[in-house]
Protein backbone atom coordinates (compact mmCIF):
# COMPACT_ATOMS: atom_id res chain seq x y z
CA UNK A 1 185.37 -13.65 -59.29
CA UNK A 2 185.08 -12.03 -62.72
CA UNK A 3 185.32 -8.31 -63.32
CA UNK A 4 183.98 -6.65 -66.43
CA UNK A 5 184.57 -3.05 -67.38
CA UNK A 6 182.58 -0.93 -69.76
CA UNK A 7 184.67 1.44 -71.86
CA UNK A 8 183.56 5.02 -72.30
CA UNK A 9 184.05 6.80 -75.66
CA UNK A 10 186.76 9.05 -74.20
CA UNK A 11 188.77 6.04 -73.03
CA UNK A 12 189.97 5.09 -76.49
CA UNK A 13 193.45 6.06 -77.62
CA UNK A 14 196.18 6.65 -75.06
CA UNK A 15 193.93 5.91 -72.11
CA UNK A 16 193.25 2.43 -73.48
CA UNK A 17 196.98 1.67 -73.30
CA UNK A 18 197.04 2.70 -69.63
CA UNK A 19 193.90 0.63 -69.00
CA UNK A 20 195.45 -2.45 -70.62
CA UNK A 21 198.63 -2.11 -68.56
CA UNK A 22 196.69 -1.65 -65.30
CA UNK A 23 194.35 -4.53 -66.13
CA UNK A 24 197.28 -6.82 -66.96
CA UNK A 25 198.93 -6.03 -63.59
CA UNK A 26 195.61 -6.49 -61.80
CA UNK A 27 195.04 -9.91 -63.37
CA UNK A 28 198.58 -11.19 -62.80
CA UNK A 29 199.49 -9.90 -59.35
CA UNK A 30 196.11 -9.37 -57.68
CA UNK A 31 194.39 -6.35 -56.20
CA UNK A 32 196.43 -6.13 -52.98
CA UNK A 33 199.79 -6.32 -54.72
CA UNK A 34 198.53 -3.88 -57.36
CA UNK A 35 197.69 -1.39 -54.59
CA UNK A 36 201.11 -1.85 -52.98
CA UNK A 37 202.80 -1.41 -56.36
CA UNK A 38 200.81 1.77 -57.04
CA UNK A 39 201.76 3.15 -53.60
CA UNK A 40 205.44 2.39 -54.19
CA UNK A 41 205.40 4.02 -57.61
CA UNK A 42 203.63 7.06 -56.15
CA UNK A 43 206.24 7.33 -53.40
CA UNK A 44 209.06 7.05 -55.93
CA UNK A 45 207.56 9.71 -58.20
CA UNK A 46 206.98 12.01 -55.22
CA UNK A 47 210.62 11.62 -54.15
CA UNK A 48 211.80 12.37 -57.69
CA UNK A 49 209.66 15.51 -57.89
CA UNK A 50 210.93 16.61 -54.49
CA UNK A 51 214.54 16.11 -55.52
CA UNK A 52 214.05 17.78 -58.90
CA UNK A 53 212.08 20.90 -57.94
CA UNK A 54 212.90 21.63 -54.32
CA UNK A 55 216.59 20.85 -54.14
CA UNK A 56 217.70 22.67 -57.31
């Protein structure tokens, strides 16, 4: 299966770096593992924010 993405004018610059990183992960580890990785990163960031703001 081949996925093609059309870039919008506002996606150039810093957003293109994020897109390239996400696309690289998607191509190399697959969509399911990419979703699991995103959930783990989100959980980690949430725990950091909780520790930083609520426990100080």
